[in-house]
Amino acid sequence: MPLPLAQRHAWNLARTLMVCVTLFRAGAAYGVMPSAEYDGDASHILHEYDPF
């Protein structure tokens, strides 16, 4: 997933679920998931979206 698309999805997911969401790098792509479920390397985190 390209970075601009991942950023839009991250913000939308955070606002829809009303939970903190982490945007991270996964190799050459980017991923988005709830922060409570992310257990990967902290150096791969690009941004954390807080809906509050």
PDB file of N, CA and C in Angstrom:
ATOM      1  N   MET A   1       0.845  -1.154   0.000  1.00  0.00           N
ATOM      2  CA  MET A   1       0.000   0.000   0.000  1.00  0.00           C
ATOM      3  C   MET A   1       0.905   1.235   0.000  1.00  0.00           C
ATOM      4  N   PRO A   2       0.691   2.192  -0.898  1.00  0.00           N
ATOM      5  CA  PRO A   2       1.491   3.417  -0.928  1.00  0.00           C
ATOM      6  C   PRO A   2       1.245   4.268   0.323  1.00  0.00           C
ATOM      7  N   LEU A   3       2.216   5.095   0.688  1.00  0.00           N
ATOM      8  CA  LEU A   3       2.147   5.892   1.913  1.00  0.00           C
ATOM      9  C   LEU A   3       0.923   6.812   1.975  1.00  0.00           C
ATOM     10  N   PRO A   4       0.590   7.607   0.946  1.00  0.00           N
ATOM     11  CA  PRO A   4      -0.584   8.483   1.065  1.00  0.00           C
ATOM     12  C   PRO A   4      -1.889   7.710   1.311  1.00  0.00           C
ATOM     13  N   LEU A   5      -2.019   6.565   0.681  1.00  0.00           N
ATOM     14  CA  LEU A   5      -3.204   5.741   0.880  1.00  0.00           C
ATOM     15  C   LEU A   5      -3.218   5.164   2.296  1.00  0.00           C
ATOM     16  N   ALA A   6      -2.080   4.719   2.776  1.00  0.00           N
ATOM     17  CA  ALA A   6      -1.986   4.182   4.134  1.00  0.00           C
ATOM     18  C   ALA A   6      -2.317   5.256   5.163  1.00  0.00           C
ATOM     19  N   GLN A   7      -1.885   6.496   4.934  1.00  0.00           N
ATOM     20  CA  GLN A   7      -2.184   7.587   5.858  1.00  0.00           C
ATOM     21  C   GLN A   7      -3.687   7.860   5.911  1.00  0.00           C
ATOM     22  N   ARG A   8      -4.338   7.872   4.757  1.00  0.00           N
ATOM     23  CA  ARG A   8      -5.788   8.092   4.727  1.00  0.00           C
ATOM     24  C   ARG A   8      -6.533   6.963   5.426  1.00  0.00           C
ATOM     25  N   HIS A   9      -6.115   5.730   5.178  1.00  0.00           N
ATOM     26  CA  HIS A   9      -6.749   4.592   5.824  1.00  0.00           C
ATOM     27  C   HIS A   9      -6.528   4.618   7.343  1.00  0.00           C
ATOM     28  N   ALA A  10      -5.340   4.994   7.761  1.00  0.00           N
ATOM     29  CA  ALA A  10      -5.036   5.042   9.191  1.00  0.00           C
ATOM     30  C   ALA A  10      -5.931   6.055   9.900  1.00  0.00           C
ATOM     31  N   TRP A  11      -6.051   7.240   9.341  1.00  0.00           N
ATOM     32  CA  TRP A  11      -6.882   8.267   9.972  1.00  0.00           C
ATOM     33  C   TRP A  11      -8.349   7.829   9.968  1.00  0.00           C
ATOM     34  N   ASN A  12      -8.817   7.273   8.868  1.00  0.00           N
ATOM     35  CA  ASN A  12     -10.200   6.811   8.778  1.00  0.00           C
ATOM     36  C   ASN A  12     -10.465   5.683   9.783  1.00  0.00           C
ATOM     37  N   LEU A  13      -9.561   4.754   9.912  1.00  0.00           N
ATOM     38  CA  LEU A  13      -9.717   3.652  10.851  1.00  0.00           C
ATOM     39  C   LEU A  13      -9.740   4.162  12.290  1.00  0.00           C
ATOM     40  N   ALA A  14      -8.854   5.088  12.612  1.00  0.00           N
ATOM     41  CA  ALA A  14      -8.816   5.649  13.962  1.00  0.00           C
ATOM     42  C   ALA A  14     -10.134   6.345  14.302  1.00  0.00           C
ATOM     43  N   ARG A  15     -10.669   7.123  13.366  1.00  0.00           N
ATOM     44  CA  ARG A  15     -11.920   7.851  13.618  1.00  0.00           C
ATOM     45  C   ARG A  15     -13.125   6.917  13.638  1.00  0.00           C
ATOM     46  N   THR A  16     -13.115   5.875  12.850  1.00  0.00           N
ATOM     47  CA  THR A  16     -14.236   4.942  12.808  1.00  0.00           C
ATOM     48  C   THR A  16     -14.284   4.076  14.064  1.00  0.00           C
ATOM     49  N   LEU A  17     -13.130   3.514  14.455  1.00  0.00           N
ATOM     50  CA  LEU A  17     -13.077   2.633  15.616  1.00  0.00           C
ATOM     51  C   LEU A  17     -12.895   3.380  16.932  1.00  0.00           C
ATOM     52  N   MET A  18     -12.482   4.646  16.847  1.00  0.00           N
ATOM     53  CA  MET A  18     -12.181   5.468  18.018  1.00  0.00           C
ATOM     54  C   MET A  18     -11.128   4.795  18.906  1.00  0.00           C
ATOM     55  N   VAL A  19     -10.071   4.319  18.261  1.00  0.00           N
ATOM     56  CA  VAL A  19      -8.918   3.738  18.949  1.00  0.00           C
ATOM     57  C   VAL A  19      -7.652   4.312  18.316  1.00  0.00           C
ATOM     58  N   CYS A  20      -6.554   4.256  19.046  1.00  0.00           N
ATOM     59  CA  CYS A  20      -5.268   4.680  18.491  1.00  0.00           C
ATOM     60  C   CYS A  20      -4.846   3.659  17.439  1.00  0.00           C
ATOM     61  N   VAL A  21      -4.319   4.160  16.320  1.00  0.00           N
ATOM     62  CA  VAL A  21      -3.931   3.318  15.188  1.00  0.00           C
ATOM     63  C   VAL A  21      -2.481   3.620  14.834  1.00  0.00           C
ATOM     64  N   THR A  22      -1.722   2.594  14.522  1.00  0.00           N
ATOM     65  CA  THR A  22      -0.311   2.730  14.170  1.00  0.00           C
ATOM     66  C   THR A  22      -0.116   2.525  12.675  1.00  0.00           C
ATOM     67  N   LEU A  23       0.634   3.446  12.076  1.00  0.00           N
ATOM     68  CA  LEU A  23       1.062   3.336  10.679  1.00  0.00           C
ATOM     69  C   LEU A  23       2.517   2.896  10.717  1.00  0.00           C
ATOM     70  N   PHE A  24       2.832   1.783  10.065  1.00  0.00           N
ATOM     71  CA  PHE A  24       4.188   1.236  10.122  1.00  0.00           C
ATOM     72  C   PHE A  24       4.667   0.819   8.740  1.00  0.00           C
ATOM     73  N   ARG A  25       5.976   0.704   8.617  1.00  0.00           N
ATOM     74  CA  ARG A  25       6.598   0.250   7.372  1.00  0.00           C
ATOM     75  C   ARG A  25       6.778  -1.258   7.446  1.00  0.00           C
ATOM     76  N   ALA A  26       6.362  -1.940   6.379  1.00  0.00           N
ATOM     77  CA  ALA A  26       6.509  -3.394   6.284  1.00  0.00           C
ATOM     78  C   ALA A  26       7.256  -3.696   4.989  1.00  0.00           C
ATOM     79  N   GLY A  27       8.560  -3.683   5.063  1.00  0.00           N
ATOM     80  CA  GLY A  27       9.365  -3.877   3.855  1.00  0.00           C
ATOM     81  C   GLY A  27       9.247  -2.670   2.944  1.00  0.00           C
ATOM     82  N   ALA A  28       8.774  -2.872   1.723  1.00  0.00           N
ATOM     83  CA  ALA A  28       8.616  -1.774   0.768  1.00  0.00           C
ATOM     84  C   ALA A  28       7.212  -1.181   0.814  1.00  0.00           C
ATOM     85  N   ALA A  29       6.347  -1.728   1.657  1.00  0.00           N
ATOM     86  CA  ALA A  29       4.959  -1.263   1.749  1.00  0.00           C
ATOM     87  C   ALA A  29       4.702  -0.689   3.140  1.00  0.00           C
ATOM     88  N   TYR A  30       3.468  -0.268   3.365  1.00  0.00           N
ATOM     89  CA  TYR A  30       3.064   0.297   4.650  1.00  0.00           C
ATOM     90  C   TYR A  30       1.841  -0.446   5.152  1.00  0.00           C
ATOM     91  N   GLY A  31       1.690  -0.488   6.457  1.00  0.00           N
ATOM     92  CA  GLY A  31       0.554  -1.167   7.051  1.00  0.00           C
ATOM     93  C   GLY A  31      -0.079  -0.314   8.129  1.00  0.00           C
ATOM     94  N   VAL A  32      -1.320  -0.644   8.445  1.00  0.00           N
ATOM     95  CA  VAL A  32      -2.086   0.077   9.451  1.00  0.00           C
ATOM     96  C   VAL A  32      -2.771  -0.945  10.344  1.00  0.00           C
ATOM     97  N   MET A  33      -2.715  -0.738  11.667  1.00  0.00           N
ATOM     98  CA  MET A  33      -3.417  -1.621  12.592  1.00  0.00           C
ATOM     99  C   MET A  33      -3.618  -0.906  13.918  1.00  0.00           C
ATOM    100  N   PRO A  34      -4.573  -1.367  14.724  1.00  0.00           N
ATOM    101  CA  PRO A  34      -4.761  -0.767  16.047  1.00  0.00           C
ATOM    102  C   PRO A  34      -3.465  -0.858  16.858  1.00  0.00           C
ATOM    103  N   SER A  35      -3.146   0.209  17.549  1.00  0.00           N
ATOM    104  CA  SER A  35      -1.889   0.272  18.299  1.00  0.00           C
ATOM    105  C   SER A  35      -1.789  -0.817  19.360  1.00  0.00           C
ATOM    106  N   ALA A  36      -2.899  -1.175  19.979  1.00  0.00           N
ATOM    107  CA  ALA A  36      -2.881  -2.204  21.019  1.00  0.00           C
ATOM    108  C   ALA A  36      -2.460  -3.562  20.472  1.00  0.00           C
ATOM    109  N   GLU A  37      -2.620  -3.786  19.190  1.00  0.00           N
ATOM    110  CA  GLU A  37      -2.277  -5.073  18.583  1.00  0.00           C
ATOM    111  C   GLU A  37      -0.886  -5.089  17.947  1.00  0.00           C
ATOM    112  N   TYR A  38      -0.250  -3.930  17.803  1.00  0.00           N
ATOM    113  CA  TYR A  38       1.061  -3.870  17.152  1.00  0.00           C
ATOM    114  C   TYR A  38       2.137  -4.326  18.125  1.00  0.00           C
ATOM    115  N   ASP A  39       2.876  -5.352  17.764  1.00  0.00           N
ATOM    116  CA  ASP A  39       3.962  -5.844  18.609  1.00  0.00           C
ATOM    117  C   ASP A  39       5.266  -5.960  17.817  1.00  0.00           C
ATOM    118  N   GLY A  40       5.365  -5.214  16.734  1.00  0.00           N
ATOM    119  CA  GLY A  40       6.563  -5.240  15.902  1.00  0.00           C
ATOM    120  C   GLY A  40       7.645  -4.306  16.434  1.00  0.00           C
ATOM    121  N   ASP A  41       8.645  -4.115  15.635  1.00  0.00           N
ATOM    122  CA  ASP A  41       9.779  -3.272  15.977  1.00  0.00           C
ATOM    123  C   ASP A  41       9.352  -1.808  16.029  1.00  0.00           C
ATOM    124  N   ALA A  42       9.668  -1.130  17.104  1.00  0.00           N
ATOM    125  CA  ALA A  42       9.283   0.273  17.279  1.00  0.00           C
ATOM    126  C   ALA A  42       9.931   1.185  16.234  1.00  0.00           C
ATOM    127  N   SER A  43      11.050   0.778  15.659  1.00  0.00           N
ATOM    128  CA  SER A  43      11.720   1.605  14.655  1.00  0.00           C
ATOM    129  C   SER A  43      10.962   1.631  13.323  1.00  0.00           C
ATOM    130  N   HIS A  44      10.018   0.724  13.138  1.00  0.00           N
ATOM    131  CA  HIS A  44       9.225   0.666  11.907  1.00  0.00           C
ATOM    132  C   HIS A  44       7.976   1.540  11.970  1.00  0.00           C
ATOM    133  N   ILE A  45       7.658   2.071  13.147  1.00  0.00           N
ATOM    134  CA  ILE A  45       6.476   2.911  13.305  1.00  0.00           C
ATOM    135  C   ILE A  45       6.741   4.278  12.688  1.00  0.00           C
ATOM    136  N   LEU A  46       5.835   4.712  11.808  1.00  0.00           N
ATOM    137  CA  LEU A  46       5.947   6.022  11.179  1.00  0.00           C
ATOM    138  C   LEU A  46       5.117   7.074  11.902  1.00  0.00           C
ATOM    139  N   HIS A  47       3.917   6.677  12.331  1.00  0.00           N
ATOM    140  CA  HIS A  47       3.038   7.631  13.006  1.00  0.00           C
ATOM    141  C   HIS A  47       1.964   6.874  13.759  1.00  0.00           C
ATOM    142  N   GLU A  48       1.499   7.474  14.857  1.00  0.00           N
ATOM    143  CA  GLU A  48       0.387   6.912  15.601  1.00  0.00           C
ATOM    144  C   GLU A  48      -0.750   7.915  15.590  1.00  0.00           C
ATOM    145  N   TYR A  49      -1.909   7.492  15.130  1.00  0.00           N
ATOM    146  CA  TYR A  49      -3.080   8.360  15.006  1.00  0.00           C
ATOM    147  C   TYR A  49      -3.954   8.172  16.235  1.00  0.00           C
ATOM    148  N   ASP A  50      -4.263   9.277  16.912  1.00  0.00           N
ATOM    149  CA  ASP A  50      -5.109   9.263  18.092  1.00  0.00           C
ATOM    150  C   ASP A  50      -6.395  10.009  17.745  1.00  0.00           C
ATOM    151  N   PRO A  51      -7.534   9.345  17.757  1.00  0.00           N
ATOM    152  CA  PRO A  51      -8.785   9.987  17.326  1.00  0.00           C
ATOM    153  C   PRO A  51      -9.309  11.007  18.343  1.00  0.00           C
ATOM    154  N   PHE A  52      -8.732  11.042  19.533  1.00  0.00           N
ATOM    155  CA  PHE A  52      -9.214  11.958  20.555  1.00  0.00           C
ATOM    156  C   PHE A  52      -8.412  13.220  20.479  1.00  0.00           C
TER     157      PHE A  52
END
